[in-house]
C-alpha atoms as a PDB file:
ATOM      1  CA  MET A   1       3.511  25.082   7.043  1.00  0.00           C
ATOM      2  CA  ASN A   2       5.729  23.443   4.589  1.00  0.00           C
ATOM      3  CA  PRO A   3       5.427  19.633   4.543  1.00  0.00           C
ATOM      4  CA  ILE A   4       9.220  19.119   4.968  1.00  0.00           C
ATOM      5  CA  ILE A   5       9.423  21.496   7.948  1.00  0.00           C
ATOM      6  CA  ALA A   6       6.335  19.700   9.478  1.00  0.00           C
ATOM      7  CA  ILE A   7       8.055  16.374   9.085  1.00  0.00           C
ATOM      8  CA  LEU A   8      11.122  17.652  10.745  1.00  0.00           C
ATOM      9  CA  LYS A   9       9.179  19.115  13.626  1.00  0.00           C
ATOM     10  CA  GLU A  10       7.169  15.906  14.033  1.00  0.00           C
ATOM     11  CA  HIS A  11      10.552  14.364  14.731  1.00  0.00           C
ATOM     12  CA  ASN A  12      11.402  16.991  17.358  1.00  0.00           C
ATOM     13  CA  VAL A  13      13.854  18.700  15.269  1.00  0.00           C
ATOM     14  CA  THR A  14      14.406  22.270  16.721  1.00  0.00           C
ATOM     15  CA  ASP A  15      13.863  25.543  14.657  1.00  0.00           C
ATOM     16  CA  ALA A  16      17.375  26.245  15.126  1.00  0.00           C
ATOM     17  CA  LYS A  17      18.468  22.780  13.608  1.00  0.00           C
ATOM     18  CA  ILE A  18      15.906  23.421  10.758  1.00  0.00           C
ATOM     19  CA  GLN A  19      17.520  26.771  10.040  1.00  0.00           C
ATOM     20  CA  GLU A  20      20.892  25.102  10.085  1.00  0.00           C
ATOM     21  CA  LEU A  21      19.751  22.418   7.665  1.00  0.00           C
ATOM     22  CA  PHE A  22      18.434  24.697   5.254  1.00  0.00           C
ATOM     23  CA  GLN A  23      21.383  27.037   5.588  1.00  0.00           C
ATOM     24  CA  ALA A  24      23.686  24.279   4.814  1.00  0.00           C
ATOM     25  CA  LEU A  25      21.465  23.222   1.929  1.00  0.00           C
ATOM     26  CA  THR A  26      21.810  26.675   0.492  1.00  0.00           C
ATOM     27  CA  ASP A  27      25.395  26.818   1.009  1.00  0.00           C
ATOM     28  CA  ASN A  28      26.794  23.275   0.536  1.00  0.00           C
ATOM     29  CA  PRO A  29      24.130  20.365  -0.107  1.00  0.00           C
ATOM     30  CA  LEU A  30      26.691  17.737   0.706  1.00  0.00           C
ATOM     31  CA  MET A  31      27.004  19.187   4.169  1.00  0.00           C
ATOM     32  CA  ALA A  32      23.311  19.215   4.514  1.00  0.00           C
ATOM     33  CA  MET A  33      23.235  15.439   4.054  1.00  0.00           C
ATOM     34  CA  GLY A  34      25.569  14.967   6.931  1.00  0.00           C
ATOM     35  CA  ILE A  35      23.207  17.076   9.083  1.00  0.00           C
ATOM     36  CA  ILE A  36      20.247  15.078   8.072  1.00  0.00           C
ATOM     37  CA  GLY A  37      22.030  11.955   8.963  1.00  0.00           C
ATOM     38  CA  GLN A  38      22.402  13.532  12.555  1.00  0.00           C
ATOM     39  CA  LEU A  39      18.672  14.343  12.983  1.00  0.00           C
ATOM     40  CA  GLY A  40      17.704  10.843  14.326  1.00  0.00           C
ATOM     41  CA  ILE A  41      14.718  10.630  11.945  1.00  0.00           C
ATOM     42  CA  PRO A  42      13.959   6.903  11.396  1.00  0.00           C
ATOM     43  CA  PRO A  43      14.904   5.662   7.614  1.00  0.00           C
ATOM     44  CA  GLU A  44      11.239   5.135   6.762  1.00  0.00           C
ATOM     45  CA  LYS A  45      10.558   8.677   7.401  1.00  0.00           C
ATOM     46  CA  LEU A  46      13.551   9.850   5.617  1.00  0.00           C
ATOM     47  CA  GLN A  47      12.485   7.782   2.772  1.00  0.00           C
ATOM     48  CA  GLN A  48       8.915   9.456   2.938  1.00  0.00           C
ATOM     49  CA  LEU A  49      10.609  12.896   3.106  1.00  0.00           C
ATOM     50  CA  MET A  50      12.941  12.090   0.200  1.00  0.00           C
ATOM     51  CA  ALA A  51       9.905  10.812  -1.977  1.00  0.00           C
ATOM     52  CA  LEU A  52       7.930  13.963  -1.182  1.00  0.00           C
ATOM     53  CA  VAL A  53      10.856  16.195  -2.304  1.00  0.00           C
ATOM     54  CA  MET A  54      11.432  14.163  -5.422  1.00  0.00           C
ATOM     55  CA  GLN A  55       7.556  14.419  -6.404  1.00  0.00           C
ATOM     56  CA  ASN A  56       7.554  18.077  -5.668  1.00  0.00           C
ATOM     57  CA  PRO A  57      10.804  19.835  -5.702  1.00  0.00           C
ATOM     58  CA  ALA A  58       9.162  23.151  -5.236  1.00  0.00           C
ATOM     59  CA  LEU A  59       8.708  22.230  -1.646  1.00  0.00           C
ATOM     60  CA  ILE A  60      12.228  23.087  -1.014  1.00  0.00           C
ATOM     61  CA  LYS A  61      11.895  26.435  -2.516  1.00  0.00           C
ATOM     62  CA  GLU A  62       8.877  27.038  -0.297  1.00  0.00           C
ATOM     63  CA  ALA A  63      10.786  25.990   2.799  1.00  0.00           C
ATOM     64  CA  VAL A  64      13.737  28.165   2.111  1.00  0.00           C
ATOM     65  CA  LEU A  65      11.579  31.089   1.492  1.00  0.00           C
ATOM     66  CA  GLU A  66       9.440  30.380   4.592  1.00  0.00           C
ATOM     67  CA  LEU A  67      12.636  30.232   6.588  1.00  0.00           C
ATOM     68  CA  GLY A  68      13.618  33.644   5.147  1.00  0.00           C
ATOM     69  CA  LEU A  69      16.672  32.236   3.206  1.00  0.00           C
ATOM     70  CA  ASP A  70      18.129  33.152  -0.080  1.00  0.00           C
ATOM     71  CA  PHE A  71      16.736  30.729  -2.765  1.00  0.00           C
ATOM     72  CA  ALA A  72      19.420  31.946  -5.201  1.00  0.00           C
ATOM     73  CA  LYS A  73      21.984  30.273  -3.257  1.00  0.00           C
ATOM     74  CA  VAL A  74      19.993  26.909  -3.557  1.00  0.00           C
ATOM     75  CA  GLU A  75      19.874  27.310  -7.299  1.00  0.00           C
ATOM     76  CA  ALA A  76      23.571  28.132  -7.372  1.00  0.00           C
ATOM     77  CA  ALA A  77      24.641  25.111  -5.215  1.00  0.00           C
ATOM     78  CA  LYS A  78      22.409  22.863  -7.577  1.00  0.00           C
ATOM     79  CA  ALA A  79      24.071  24.220 -10.606  1.00  0.00           C
ATOM     80  CA  GLN A  80      27.498  23.481  -9.030  1.00  0.00           C
ATOM     81  CA  LEU A  81      26.613  20.085  -8.245  1.00  0.00           C
ATOM     82  CA  GLN A  82      25.494  19.449 -11.970  1.00  0.00           C
ATOM     83  CA  LYS A  83      29.034  20.135 -13.162  1.00  0.00           C
END
Protein backbone atom coordinates (compact mmCIF):
# COMPACT_ATOMS: atom_id res chain seq x y z
CA MET A 1 0.00 0.00 0.00
CA ASN A 2 1.14 3.50 -0.79
CA PRO A 3 2.59 5.21 2.35
CA ILE A 4 0.39 8.30 1.85
CA ILE A 5 -2.74 6.17 1.79
CA ALA A 6 -1.43 4.12 4.74
CA ILE A 7 -0.98 7.26 6.89
CA LEU A 8 -4.49 8.44 5.99
CA LYS A 9 -5.99 5.04 6.87
CA GLU A 10 -3.98 5.01 10.11
CA HIS A 11 -5.98 8.10 11.08
CA ASN A 12 -9.32 6.48 10.22
CA VAL A 13 -9.79 8.38 6.98
CA THR A 14 -12.38 6.45 4.98
CA ASP A 15 -11.72 5.09 1.51
CA ALA A 16 -14.38 7.48 0.19
CA LYS A 17 -12.62 10.47 1.78
CA ILE A 18 -9.23 9.32 0.43
CA GLN A 19 -10.77 9.03 -3.04
CA GLU A 20 -12.31 12.50 -2.64
CA LEU A 21 -8.98 13.96 -1.54
CA PHE A 22 -7.04 12.58 -4.48
CA GLN A 23 -9.84 13.47 -6.90
CA ALA A 24 -9.64 17.05 -5.59
CA LEU A 25 -5.86 16.90 -5.94
CA THR A 26 -6.23 15.98 -9.61
CA ASP A 27 -8.89 18.64 -10.25
CA ASN A 28 -7.94 21.53 -7.97
CA PRO A 29 -4.93 21.20 -5.63
CA LEU A 30 -6.03 24.22 -3.58
CA MET A 31 -9.34 22.52 -2.83
CA ALA A 32 -7.40 19.43 -1.75
CA MET A 33 -5.64 21.52 0.90
CA GLY A 34 -9.03 22.39 2.38
CA ILE A 35 -10.02 18.73 2.49
CA ILE A 36 -6.74 17.82 4.20
CA GLY A 37 -7.53 20.39 6.90
CA GLN A 38 -10.88 18.69 7.58
CA LEU A 39 -9.46 15.20 8.07
CA GLY A 40 -8.52 15.74 11.70
CA ILE A 41 -4.97 14.48 11.31
CA PRO A 42 -2.65 15.82 14.05
CA PRO A 43 -0.25 18.53 12.82
CA GLU A 44 2.84 16.42 13.52
CA LYS A 45 1.48 13.61 11.31
CA LEU A 46 0.60 16.10 8.57
CA GLN A 47 4.15 17.40 8.79
CA GLN A 48 5.46 13.82 8.48
CA LEU A 49 3.19 13.24 5.48
CA MET A 50 4.35 16.44 3.78
CA ALA A 51 8.01 15.55 4.39
CA LEU A 52 7.39 12.14 2.85
CA VAL A 53 5.84 13.73 -0.25
CA MET A 54 8.62 16.33 -0.53
CA GLN A 55 11.31 13.64 -0.34
CA ASN A 56 9.54 11.37 -2.81
CA PRO A 57 7.01 13.19 -5.03
CA ALA A 58 6.48 9.97 -7.03
CA LEU A 59 4.37 8.75 -4.09
CA ILE A 60 1.55 11.03 -5.26
CA LYS A 61 1.62 9.42 -8.70
CA GLU A 62 1.64 5.96 -7.12
CA ALA A 63 -1.33 6.83 -4.90
CA VAL A 64 -3.29 8.34 -7.78
CA LEU A 65 -2.67 5.26 -9.92
CA GLU A 66 -3.49 2.94 -6.99
CA LEU A 67 -6.83 4.71 -6.64
CA GLY A 68 -7.49 4.41 -10.38
CA LEU A 69 -7.44 8.16 -11.08
CA ASP A 70 -5.95 9.97 -14.08
CA PHE A 71 -2.41 11.15 -13.31
CA ALA A 72 -2.40 13.39 -16.40
CA LYS A 73 -4.87 15.63 -14.51
CA VAL A 74 -2.37 15.95 -11.65
CA GLU A 75 0.32 17.05 -14.09
CA ALA A 76 -2.08 19.57 -15.70
CA ALA A 77 -3.04 20.98 -12.28
CA LYS A 78 0.63 21.25 -11.29
CA ALA A 79 1.42 23.11 -14.51
CA GLN A 80 -1.47 25.50 -13.86
CA LEU A 81 -0.18 26.23 -10.33
CA GLN A 82 3.26 27.05 -11.69
CA LYS A 83 1.90 29.84 -13.92
